[in-house]
């Protein structure tokens, strides 16, 4: 039966720790034994994996100085040759092999821990995204419910007035309707207009019997299916309602042309 090299010799050789007569014998046998060549390749792969699993760390400048001092303090090679060399203990060989095994297990555990951490982070991000979408949906539902309640209150109140806003000469085609209850301070606007220029917005105004116009907010060109509900200070007596063309986002006071106007008495 063919005799193969000792199992610990593969790890020692891969690490460059096998020398002397043991190294010569190992290499001589290795040239003619395919099995031992395969075992050596596996040991070299393990050493390479351990080496790649750690990030390189630059030594401190003091390390080089200390190393040079130790080299100078070493005895002359001739004197060192006279010192008998103690054979490497086989127990140390086995201990090294076990150390390599534990190191490989540590690498695998580290990679697994990193993967699980990244997976957990991804799941947490998904949960945060879903929570944000849920919060936005709930906020929108709350606003829609409040708007519906306001519309119902305005439509059912006997003191609610209705005003029709007509297209003005030279302005874009369109028409709108306003329901307004001064006691509740609520304006409900619905209407349709040609789209405003890219850098402009349509803005609705309550024109009081005395004083400056009061902004009732930005209105969209098409609000036939979804009315705009605006809350204003209670008790305002309107003379008219108007829609003007303003800079994008609106203005504190009207600056642009009136495109729709309706008198409160009509």
Protein backbone atom coordinates (compact mmCIF):
# COMPACT_ATOMS: atom_id res chain seq x y z
CA UNK A 1 0.00 0.00 0.00
CA UNK A 2 1.41 3.39 -1.05
CA UNK A 3 2.49 5.58 1.88
CA UNK A 4 1.55 9.29 1.68
CA UNK A 5 2.99 12.32 3.43
CA UNK A 6 1.86 13.24 6.94
CA UNK A 7 -1.37 15.36 6.87
CA UNK A 8 0.19 18.25 8.81
CA UNK A 9 3.06 18.55 6.31
CA UNK A 10 0.70 19.95 3.66
CA UNK A 11 -0.24 22.95 5.85
CA UNK A 12 3.36 23.49 6.95
CA UNK A 13 4.63 23.40 3.38
CA UNK A 14 1.86 25.77 2.19
CA UNK A 15 2.89 28.23 4.93
CA UNK A 16 6.62 27.86 4.13
CA UNK A 17 7.27 26.35 7.57
CA UNK A 18 8.56 22.97 6.40
CA UNK A 19 12.32 22.94 5.90
CA UNK A 20 15.46 20.83 6.08
CA UNK A 21 15.29 17.12 5.45
CA UNK A 22 11.52 17.04 5.94
CA UNK A 23 11.04 19.51 3.07
CA UNK A 24 13.39 17.57 0.78
CA UNK A 25 11.61 14.28 1.51
CA UNK A 26 8.19 15.91 1.07
CA UNK A 27 9.06 17.45 -2.31
CA UNK A 28 10.63 14.20 -3.55
CA UNK A 29 7.49 12.25 -2.75
CA UNK A 30 5.22 15.01 -4.10
CA UNK A 31 6.67 14.72 -7.63
CA UNK A 32 5.30 11.18 -8.07
CA UNK A 33 2.13 11.20 -5.93
CA UNK A 34 -1.04 12.69 -7.44
CA UNK A 35 -2.97 12.28 -4.16
CA UNK A 36 -0.49 14.35 -2.17
CA UNK A 37 -0.41 16.98 -4.95
CA UNK A 38 -4.19 17.36 -4.53
CA UNK A 39 -3.87 17.59 -0.72
CA UNK A 40 -1.22 20.30 -1.07
CA UNK A 41 -3.43 22.28 -3.49
CA UNK A 42 -6.29 22.22 -0.94
CA UNK A 43 -3.96 23.37 1.87
CA UNK A 44 -2.66 26.24 -0.30
CA UNK A 45 -6.27 27.26 -1.11
CA UNK A 46 -7.11 27.42 2.62
CA UNK A 47 -4.08 29.60 3.31
CA UNK A 48 -5.02 31.91 0.45
CA UNK A 49 -8.60 32.23 1.77
CA UNK A 50 -7.37 33.15 5.23
CA UNK A 51 -5.02 35.73 3.75
CA UNK A 52 -7.78 37.38 1.68
CA UNK A 53 -10.27 37.45 4.58
CA UNK A 54 -8.39 40.17 6.46
CA UNK A 55 -7.72 43.74 5.39
CA UNK A 56 -4.03 44.74 5.14
CA UNK A 57 -2.81 46.99 7.95
CA UNK A 58 0.15 49.32 7.48
CA UNK A 59 2.75 48.81 10.27
CA UNK A 60 3.77 51.73 12.44
CA UNK A 61 7.13 53.40 11.62
CA UNK A 62 8.50 52.11 14.92
CA UNK A 63 8.11 48.50 13.74
CA UNK A 64 10.89 48.85 11.14
CA UNK A 65 13.27 50.41 13.69
CA UNK A 66 12.61 47.67 16.19
CA UNK A 67 13.11 44.97 13.55
CA UNK A 68 16.50 46.41 12.52
CA UNK A 69 17.65 46.46 16.15
CA UNK A 70 16.71 42.80 16.51
CA UNK A 71 18.60 41.91 13.32
CA UNK A 72 21.73 43.65 14.61
CA UNK A 73 21.43 41.83 17.92
CA UNK A 74 21.21 38.38 16.26
CA UNK A 75 24.43 36.29 16.47
CA UNK A 76 26.64 35.76 13.41
CA UNK A 77 25.42 32.96 11.09
CA UNK A 78 28.56 30.95 11.89
CA UNK A 79 27.77 31.08 15.57
CA UNK A 80 24.15 30.28 14.95
CA UNK A 81 25.14 27.21 12.95
CA UNK A 82 26.78 25.75 16.03
CA UNK A 83 23.51 25.79 17.94
CA UNK A 84 21.76 22.43 17.68
CA UNK A 85 18.39 22.59 15.97
CA UNK A 86 15.57 20.91 17.78
CA UNK A 87 13.29 18.90 15.49
CA UNK A 88 9.85 20.32 15.02
CA UNK A 89 7.38 18.62 17.29
CA UNK A 90 4.62 16.70 15.57
CA UNK A 91 2.27 17.99 18.25
CA UNK A 92 3.02 21.52 17.04
CA UNK A 93 2.24 20.36 13.51
CA UNK A 94 -1.13 19.03 14.57
CA UNK A 95 -1.79 22.19 16.59
CA UNK A 96 -1.09 24.32 13.53
CA UNK A 97 -3.49 22.24 11.44
CA UNK A 98 -6.22 22.68 14.06
CA UNK A 99 -5.47 26.42 14.16
CA UNK A 100 -5.93 26.66 10.40
CA UNK A 101 -9.22 24.81 10.70
CA UNK A 102 -10.48 27.18 13.38
CA UNK A 103 -9.32 30.15 11.31
CA UNK A 104 -11.30 28.89 8.31
CA UNK A 105 -14.38 28.42 10.49
CA UNK A 106 -13.95 31.98 11.80
CA UNK A 107 -13.76 33.30 8.23
CA UNK A 108 -16.95 31.46 7.27
CA UNK A 109 -18.76 32.72 10.39
CA UNK A 110 -17.61 36.28 9.68
CA UNK A 111 -18.84 36.17 6.09
CA UNK A 112 -22.16 34.66 7.20
CA UNK A 113 -22.60 37.34 9.88
CA UNK A 114 -21.90 40.11 7.35
CA UNK A 115 -24.43 38.63 4.90
CA UNK A 116 -27.10 38.34 7.60
CA UNK A 117 -26.45 41.93 8.72
CA UNK A 118 -26.84 43.25 5.17
CA UNK A 119 -30.01 41.20 4.70
CA UNK A 120 -31.43 42.59 7.94
CA UNK A 121 -30.58 46.16 6.86
CA UNK A 122 -32.38 45.59 3.54
CA UNK A 123 -35.48 44.32 5.33
CA UNK A 124 -35.45 47.29 7.72
CA UNK A 125 -35.26 49.69 4.75
CA UNK A 126 -38.23 47.94 3.14
CA UNK A 127 -40.21 48.22 6.38
CA UNK A 128 -39.38 51.95 6.66
CA UNK A 129 -40.46 52.52 3.04
CA UNK A 130 -43.74 50.66 3.56
CA UNK A 131 -44.37 52.58 6.80
CA UNK A 132 -43.79 55.91 5.02
CA UNK A 133 -46.22 54.93 2.25
CA UNK A 134 -48.78 53.84 4.85
CA UNK A 135 -48.41 57.13 6.74
CA UNK A 136 -48.84 59.12 3.51
CA UNK A 137 -51.94 57.10 2.60
CA UNK A 138 -53.44 57.61 6.04
CA UNK A 139 -52.70 61.36 5.89
CA UNK A 140 -54.34 61.60 2.47
CA UNK A 141 -57.35 59.65 3.71
CA UNK A 142 -57.65 61.97 6.72
CA UNK A 143 -57.50 65.06 4.50
CA UNK A 144 -60.05 63.60 2.09
CA UNK A 145 -62.43 62.79 4.96
CA UNK A 146 -62.07 66.33 6.36
CA UNK A 147 -62.70 67.86 2.91
CA UNK A 148 -65.76 65.69 2.38
CA UNK A 149 -67.11 66.71 5.78
CA UNK A 150 -66.58 70.40 4.93
CA UNK A 151 -68.30 70.04 1.53
CA UNK A 152 -71.26 68.28 3.13
CA UNK A 153 -71.59 71.02 5.73
CA UNK A 154 -71.41 73.81 3.11
CA UNK A 155 -73.84 72.16 0.69
CA UNK A 156 -76.39 71.48 3.46
CA UNK A 157 -76.22 74.95 5.05
CA UNK A 158 -79.06 77.36 4.13
CA UNK A 159 -76.77 80.40 4.26
CA UNK A 160 -74.35 79.06 1.63
CA UNK A 161 -74.04 81.17 -1.55
CA UNK A 162 -73.19 79.89 -5.02
CA UNK A 163 -71.15 82.03 -7.43
CA UNK A 164 -70.42 81.29 -11.09
CA UNK A 165 -67.07 82.52 -12.39
CA UNK A 166 -67.08 83.44 -16.09
CA UNK A 167 -64.28 83.65 -18.65
CA UNK A 168 -62.86 87.11 -19.19
CA UNK A 169 -62.16 88.72 -22.57
CA UNK A 170 -58.79 87.70 -23.97
CA UNK A 171 -58.30 85.04 -21.28
CA UNK A 172 -58.11 81.25 -21.63
CA UNK A 173 -61.41 79.38 -22.04
CA UNK A 174 -63.03 78.03 -18.91
CA UNK A 175 -65.67 78.34 -16.21
CA UNK A 176 -65.86 77.61 -12.49
CA UNK A 177 -68.30 77.53 -9.58
CA UNK A 178 -67.79 78.55 -5.97
CA UNK A 179 -69.80 77.53 -2.92
CA UNK A 180 -69.06 79.87 -0.02
CA UNK A 181 -70.31 79.95 3.56
CA UNK A 182 -69.10 83.00 5.50
CA UNK A 183 -70.31 81.59 8.83
CA UNK A 184 -68.20 78.43 8.39
CA UNK A 185 -65.39 80.21 6.55
CA UNK A 186 -65.28 77.52 3.85
CA UNK A 187 -64.86 77.91 0.07
CA UNK A 188 -65.54 74.99 -2.29
CA UNK A 189 -64.17 75.57 -5.82
CA UNK A 190 -64.74 73.41 -8.89
CA UNK A 191 -64.06 74.31 -12.50
CA UNK A 192 -62.07 73.81 -15.66
CA UNK A 193 -59.58 76.06 -17.39
CA UNK A 194 -57.02 75.78 -20.16
CA UNK A 195 -53.60 74.85 -18.71
CA UNK A 196 -51.58 77.75 -17.31
CA UNK A 197 -48.13 78.59 -18.76
CA UNK A 198 -45.27 76.44 -17.45
CA UNK A 199 -44.00 79.11 -15.03
CA UNK A 200 -47.44 80.28 -13.85
CA UNK A 201 -50.22 79.17 -11.48
CA UNK A 202 -53.94 79.88 -11.21
CA UNK A 203 -54.86 81.49 -7.89
CA UNK A 204 -58.35 81.97 -6.44
CA UNK A 205 -59.24 85.18 -4.57
CA UNK A 206 -62.10 86.32 -2.38
CA UNK A 207 -62.61 90.02 -3.11
CA UNK A 208 -64.23 91.51 0.03
CA UNK A 209 -66.68 94.40 0.11
CA UNK A 210 -63.89 96.44 1.71
CA UNK A 211 -60.18 95.80 2.01
CA UNK A 212 -57.66 93.86 -0.05
CA UNK A 213 -58.34 90.49 -1.76
CA UNK A 214 -57.87 87.35 0.34
CA UNK A 215 -56.10 84.39 -1.23
CA UNK A 216 -58.08 81.16 -1.38
CA UNK A 217 -55.10 79.17 -2.65
CA UNK A 218 -53.82 77.68 -5.89
CA UNK A 219 -56.37 75.90 -8.09
CA UNK A 220 -55.64 73.34 -10.79
CA UNK A 221 -56.76 73.81 -14.43
CA UNK A 222 -59.09 70.82 -14.15
CA UNK A 223 -60.94 70.47 -10.85
CA UNK A 224 -64.27 69.24 -12.14
CA UNK A 225 -63.92 65.82 -10.50
CA UNK A 226 -62.06 66.88 -7.35
CA UNK A 227 -63.14 70.14 -5.78
CA UNK A 228 -60.70 72.36 -3.92
CA UNK A 229 -61.80 72.98 -0.31
CA UNK A 230 -60.27 76.08 1.32
CA UNK A 231 -60.73 77.40 4.87
CA UNK A 232 -60.76 81.20 5.28
CA UNK A 233 -61.33 83.47 8.27
CA UNK A 234 -64.98 83.31 9.28
CA UNK A 235 -67.33 86.22 8.58
CA UNK A 236 -65.74 87.60 5.39
CA UNK A 237 -68.38 89.35 3.25
CA UNK A 238 -67.41 88.83 -0.44
CA UNK A 239 -68.05 91.26 -3.25
CA UNK A 240 -66.72 88.84 -5.86
CA UNK A 241 -64.51 85.83 -6.49
CA UNK A 242 -61.77 85.83 -9.12
CA UNK A 243 -59.05 83.59 -10.58
CA UNK A 244 -55.83 85.26 -11.73
CA UNK A 245 -52.61 84.13 -13.38
CA UNK A 246 -49.74 84.41 -10.90
CA UNK A 247 -46.08 83.34 -10.68
CA UNK A 248 -45.55 79.65 -9.94
CA UNK A 249 -46.72 78.94 -6.40
CA UNK A 250 -48.91 82.05 -6.05
CA UNK A 251 -48.58 85.61 -4.73
CA UNK A 252 -49.58 87.41 -1.51
CA UNK A 253 -51.72 89.79 -3.62
CA UNK A 254 -53.02 89.63 -7.21
CA UNK A 255 -50.45 90.65 -9.81
CA UNK A 256 -51.64 88.97 -13.00
CA UNK A 257 -54.59 89.14 -15.36
CA UNK A 258 -58.05 88.02 -14.23
CA UNK A 259 -59.12 84.93 -16.19
CA UNK A 260 -62.35 84.12 -14.30
CA UNK A 261 -64.59 86.54 -12.35
CA UNK A 262 -67.93 86.08 -10.56
CA UNK A 263 -69.94 88.62 -8.56
CA UNK A 264 -71.20 87.44 -5.19
CA UNK A 265 -74.61 88.98 -5.88
CA UNK A 266 -75.15 86.93 -9.10
